[in-house]
Structure formats: structure tokens, C-alpha cells
Amino acid sequence: MINRILSIFFPNRCPYCGELLSYPETECDSCRSQLYPQPMLFTVLSGNLCAAAFIYEDPFRQAVLDMKFKGIKFNCESLGKVLTAACSELVTEFRPEIITSVPMSRDRLAIRGYNQSELLAKVAARELSLPYIRLLDRKNGARIQHELTMEQRLANHDLRFFLKEKEAIRGKTILLIDDIVTSGMTISECCRILEDGGAEKVICACIAAAGDHKAASLHKQ
């Protein structure tokens, strides 16, 4: 009810075209009709499967950037649903028991105010009726991947991730969610830590990915 009242005075806009929305819409009808393309399935550097809703150069890229850098958390609702649809085949095949996200360091979180990957993961958890658990954390002082060139990203091993909930993952299949996958270094390191910590399998999903990853097929796994 509170959200409905607030929407009267502060209406949300479609993340993709800017059209005013009525509560509880998360995108306009026109954009919704284009939002669910054939997902991209690929392997990240660690060999784990990852599903992406969009190629990073797609027209919907701006909605992702607005979510990540301009503080428009509302975009996470629509993007989270699109991400969930993109990984549906992966989820059906491997039946994850826990959803988690790529973490953000506490100093970075204090600056931004939220972790967009976590918000996307919580939407996916709600849509899939699975628990969201913050399994990973990140130490302060790590170099931020999106601030580096591709060559620097591939050479950057100072990612400083660590496992928070070891007992929760033993023998479990985990769905790990990130916002954007470019080189794949970050999500691959998170996969490694989860698997080294006892996870049976880690599958991944993101809203957008670079277009130069090696395509994969579920039927070859």
C-alpha cells in the first residue's frame, strides 16, 4: 500500500525507454515485448556454465548502467525478472538449492549504498522460490575490475573474496549471480571459492555479458 501511494507522487519510469509507469508495473508494455530474447549460454574462465540475458552492447545496456552507477535500484526489479527467465533452462537442468551473488567490499558498499548483484539475486530468489544466502564477502582494498583494462583484469589476482557460510553449501548446487560478466575473472574466482568450500556444483547467471565468451550447450555437459 505504501508503495502504491508513493507511486502516485513519485511515479517510476520504464528502465529501458523512460515512459512513466503505473504501479506495480516494472517496465512498459512495448519494452516488455522485447525483453526476453534467446539467452546466451557460455562458460566462464573457471569452466562453470553461465547464462546471460543480453549481450552487453544490446540497446538495454543503459538500464544496466543506470542500475549500477546512477543509483536507480528500481531497475533491479525488471532486470532481475529478465535474468531469472534467461537462466530458467539452466535452473531446470541443475536444480540449484541456494542462490547467492558476487559480493562487494564494505568500503565500496558504503559509497554506492547497495550491491546491485545482490538485489538482482534476491529478485531471482523470489521468482524461483529459493533461499538467498550471502555466502561470499570481499575484503576492502581490492582493485575494482570495471576500472581496469581487459589486460589488467586478466592479470588481476587481487580479488580478495572469501567464504562466509561454509556449512551452508556442503554438497549443494549454487546459483551464483552477477550483474555484468566481461572478462569473467571475478565470477570465476567466486565459483572456485564456493567449490573449494564444499559446493557440489556452481552455475552462474548475469544480466549482461561481453560477446566474446565461448558458447556452450547444456546437452554437452
Protein backbone atom coordinates (compact mmCIF):
# COMPACT_ATOMS: atom_id res chain seq x y z
CA MET A 1 0.00 0.00 0.00
CA ILE A 2 2.84 2.38 0.86
CA ASN A 3 4.50 1.71 -2.50
CA ARG A 4 1.19 2.28 -4.27
CA ILE A 5 0.72 5.65 -2.56
CA LEU A 6 4.31 6.70 -3.22
CA SER A 7 3.92 5.83 -6.89
CA ILE A 8 1.19 8.46 -7.20
CA PHE A 9 3.57 11.24 -6.20
CA PHE A 10 6.84 9.71 -7.41
CA PRO A 11 5.97 7.50 -10.39
CA ASN A 12 8.62 5.12 -11.66
CA ARG A 13 9.82 5.14 -15.24
CA CYS A 14 10.46 2.25 -17.57
CA PRO A 15 14.15 1.34 -17.19
CA TYR A 16 14.54 0.99 -20.95
CA CYS A 17 12.66 3.87 -22.58
CA GLY A 18 11.79 6.22 -19.71
CA GLU A 19 8.00 6.03 -20.09
CA LEU A 20 6.02 6.73 -16.90
CA LEU A 21 4.70 3.58 -15.24
CA SER A 22 1.67 2.77 -13.15
CA TYR A 23 2.14 0.69 -10.01
CA PRO A 24 3.05 -2.22 -9.93
CA GLU A 25 4.50 -2.23 -13.47
CA THR A 26 8.26 -2.63 -13.73
CA GLU A 27 8.54 -1.85 -17.46
CA CYS A 28 6.24 -0.60 -20.22
CA ASP A 29 4.27 -2.96 -22.46
CA SER A 30 6.32 -2.06 -25.53
CA CYS A 31 9.68 -2.84 -23.92
CA ARG A 32 8.33 -5.94 -22.19
CA SER A 33 7.57 -7.45 -25.57
CA GLN A 34 11.28 -7.24 -26.47
CA LEU A 35 12.79 -8.16 -23.11
CA TYR A 36 13.08 -11.91 -23.34
CA PRO A 37 15.45 -12.79 -26.18
CA GLN A 38 17.14 -16.17 -26.52
CA PRO A 39 19.62 -16.23 -23.61
CA MET A 40 23.32 -16.58 -24.19
CA LEU A 41 24.88 -19.68 -22.56
CA PHE A 42 28.64 -19.77 -22.19
CA THR A 43 31.46 -20.97 -19.95
CA VAL A 44 33.45 -18.58 -17.80
CA LEU A 45 37.20 -18.93 -17.29
CA SER A 46 36.73 -21.45 -14.48
CA GLY A 47 34.70 -23.71 -16.76
CA ASN A 48 31.39 -23.05 -14.99
CA LEU A 49 28.27 -22.52 -17.07
CA CYS A 50 26.76 -19.04 -17.16
CA ALA A 51 23.51 -17.75 -18.68
CA ALA A 52 23.20 -14.11 -19.77
CA ALA A 53 20.03 -12.28 -20.73
CA PHE A 54 21.74 -9.78 -23.03
CA ILE A 55 24.95 -9.14 -24.87
CA TYR A 56 26.49 -6.07 -23.22
CA GLU A 57 26.22 -4.00 -26.40
CA ASP A 58 22.44 -4.51 -26.69
CA PRO A 59 20.08 -1.49 -26.54
CA PHE A 60 19.09 -2.40 -22.97
CA ARG A 61 22.66 -1.80 -21.78
CA GLN A 62 21.80 1.66 -20.44
CA ALA A 63 19.28 0.24 -17.97
CA VAL A 64 22.06 -1.93 -16.52
CA LEU A 65 24.46 1.02 -16.26
CA ASP A 66 21.78 3.19 -14.62
CA MET A 67 21.21 0.43 -12.05
CA LYS A 68 24.91 0.01 -11.39
CA PHE A 69 26.23 3.56 -11.41
CA LYS A 70 23.32 6.02 -11.10
CA GLY A 71 21.59 4.61 -8.03
CA ILE A 72 18.40 3.58 -9.85
CA LYS A 73 17.63 0.48 -7.78
CA PHE A 74 14.13 0.25 -9.27
CA ASN A 75 15.70 -1.19 -12.44
CA CYS A 76 16.64 -4.31 -10.47
CA GLU A 77 13.02 -5.46 -10.40
CA SER A 78 12.64 -5.73 -14.16
CA LEU A 79 16.24 -6.79 -14.82
CA GLY A 80 16.02 -9.44 -12.09
CA LYS A 81 12.95 -10.98 -13.72
CA VAL A 82 14.65 -10.95 -17.12
CA LEU A 83 17.74 -12.59 -15.62
CA THR A 84 15.55 -15.25 -13.99
CA ALA A 85 13.93 -16.08 -17.33
CA ALA A 86 17.35 -16.25 -19.02
CA CYS A 87 18.65 -18.90 -16.61
CA SER A 88 15.43 -20.95 -16.44
CA GLU A 89 16.81 -23.80 -18.58
CA LEU A 90 19.99 -23.88 -16.52
CA VAL A 91 17.95 -23.97 -13.31
CA THR A 92 15.70 -26.75 -14.60
CA GLU A 93 18.71 -28.83 -15.61
CA PHE A 94 20.79 -28.48 -12.42
CA ARG A 95 18.16 -27.60 -9.75
CA PRO A 96 20.15 -25.23 -7.51
CA GLU A 97 19.29 -25.22 -3.83
CA ILE A 98 20.74 -21.83 -2.90
CA ILE A 99 21.09 -18.50 -4.70
CA THR A 100 23.93 -16.15 -3.88
CA SER A 101 25.67 -13.18 -5.52
CA VAL A 102 29.08 -11.76 -6.25
CA PRO A 103 29.88 -9.60 -3.21
CA MET A 104 31.01 -6.01 -2.92
CA SER A 105 33.60 -4.82 -0.40
CA ARG A 106 32.28 -2.89 2.58
CA ASP A 107 34.02 0.33 1.62
CA ARG A 108 32.59 0.12 -1.89
CA LEU A 109 29.16 -0.74 -0.49
CA ALA A 110 29.30 2.31 1.78
CA ILE A 111 29.90 4.54 -1.25
CA ARG A 112 27.23 3.02 -3.52
CA GLY A 113 24.70 2.18 -0.82
CA TYR A 114 23.71 -1.19 -2.30
CA ASN A 115 25.10 -4.19 -4.16
CA GLN A 116 23.22 -4.42 -7.45
CA SER A 117 24.21 -8.07 -7.93
CA GLU A 118 22.63 -8.90 -4.58
CA LEU A 119 19.43 -7.04 -5.50
CA LEU A 120 19.20 -8.99 -8.77
CA ALA A 121 19.84 -12.25 -6.91
CA LYS A 122 17.09 -11.52 -4.38
CA VAL A 123 14.60 -10.93 -7.19
CA ALA A 124 15.65 -14.24 -8.77
CA ALA A 125 15.35 -15.99 -5.40
CA ARG A 126 11.81 -14.67 -5.01
CA GLU A 127 10.83 -15.64 -8.56
CA LEU A 128 12.31 -19.15 -8.21
CA SER A 129 11.14 -19.69 -4.60
CA LEU A 130 14.69 -20.45 -3.50
CA PRO A 131 16.61 -19.10 -0.48
CA TYR A 132 19.05 -16.26 -0.97
CA ILE A 133 22.11 -16.56 1.28
CA ARG A 134 25.05 -14.18 1.25
CA LEU A 135 27.73 -16.86 1.02
CA LEU A 136 30.68 -14.70 -0.03
CA ASP A 137 32.28 -11.50 1.15
CA ARG A 138 35.04 -9.29 -0.20
CA LYS A 139 37.84 -7.60 1.69
CA ASN A 140 38.47 -3.89 1.32
CA GLY A 141 41.26 -2.68 -0.92
CA ALA A 142 40.79 -4.98 -3.92
CA ARG A 143 41.18 -3.40 -7.33
CA ILE A 144 37.79 -2.86 -8.98
CA GLN A 145 37.52 -4.84 -12.22
CA HIS A 146 35.43 -2.36 -14.24
CA GLU A 147 38.10 0.30 -13.64
CA LEU A 148 40.76 -1.83 -15.35
CA THR A 149 41.55 -2.58 -18.98
CA MET A 150 40.87 -6.11 -20.24
CA GLU A 151 44.57 -6.98 -19.98
CA GLN A 152 44.69 -5.68 -16.42
CA ARG A 153 41.55 -7.62 -15.48
CA LEU A 154 43.03 -10.90 -16.69
CA ALA A 155 46.20 -10.22 -14.72
CA ASN A 156 44.41 -9.03 -11.57
CA HIS A 157 44.52 -11.79 -8.97
CA ASP A 158 43.90 -9.47 -6.02
CA LEU A 159 40.14 -10.04 -5.85
CA ARG A 160 40.09 -10.81 -2.08
CA PHE A 161 36.93 -12.90 -1.92
CA PHE A 162 36.31 -15.25 0.99
CA LEU A 163 33.61 -17.71 2.05
CA LYS A 164 31.24 -16.68 4.85
CA GLU A 165 28.95 -19.71 5.19
CA LYS A 166 30.92 -22.92 4.65
CA GLU A 167 28.48 -25.31 6.32
CA ALA A 168 25.53 -24.00 4.30
CA ILE A 169 27.00 -25.07 0.95
CA ARG A 170 28.44 -28.52 1.60
CA GLY A 171 27.18 -30.83 -1.16
CA LYS A 172 24.80 -28.17 -2.55
CA THR A 173 24.30 -26.78 -6.04
CA ILE A 174 24.62 -23.00 -6.03
CA LEU A 175 23.28 -20.40 -8.47
CA LEU A 176 25.74 -17.50 -8.43
CA ILE A 177 24.52 -14.19 -9.82
CA ASP A 178 26.45 -11.16 -11.06
CA ASP A 179 25.31 -8.06 -12.93
CA ILE A 180 27.79 -7.90 -15.83
CA VAL A 181 30.36 -10.51 -16.92
CA THR A 182 33.17 -9.12 -19.05
CA SER A 183 36.49 -10.98 -18.68
CA GLY A 184 34.88 -13.50 -16.30
CA MET A 185 37.72 -13.24 -13.76
CA THR A 186 35.51 -12.11 -10.89
CA ILE A 187 32.74 -14.68 -11.25
CA SER A 188 35.28 -17.45 -11.91
CA GLU A 189 37.11 -16.69 -8.67
CA CYS A 190 33.80 -16.78 -6.78
CA CYS A 191 32.99 -20.17 -8.37
CA ARG A 192 36.38 -21.51 -7.32
CA ILE A 193 35.94 -20.39 -3.71
CA LEU A 194 32.46 -21.92 -3.48
CA GLU A 195 33.60 -25.22 -4.96
CA ASP A 196 36.74 -25.34 -2.82
CA GLY A 197 34.48 -24.67 0.17
CA GLY A 198 32.39 -27.76 -0.48
CA ALA A 199 29.72 -26.86 -3.05
CA GLU A 200 28.80 -29.77 -5.31
CA LYS A 201 28.28 -27.54 -8.35
CA VAL A 202 28.13 -23.83 -9.16
CA ILE A 203 26.14 -22.44 -12.08
CA CYS A 204 26.03 -18.75 -12.92
CA ALA A 205 23.74 -16.10 -14.37
CA CYS A 206 24.12 -12.44 -15.24
CA ILE A 207 22.01 -9.77 -16.86
CA ALA A 208 24.65 -8.83 -19.46
CA ALA A 209 27.84 -10.38 -20.81
CA ALA A 210 30.57 -9.48 -23.24
CA GLY A 211 30.02 -11.11 -26.60
CA ASP A 212 33.39 -12.86 -26.91
CA HIS A 213 32.81 -15.74 -24.49
CA LYS A 214 32.84 -19.32 -25.73
CA ALA A 215 29.29 -20.51 -26.35
CA ALA A 216 28.18 -23.64 -24.50
CA SER A 217 25.33 -26.12 -24.67
CA LEU A 218 23.56 -27.89 -21.80
CA HIS A 219 23.45 -31.07 -23.83
CA LYS A 220 27.24 -31.31 -23.92
CA GLN A 221 27.64 -31.09 -20.16
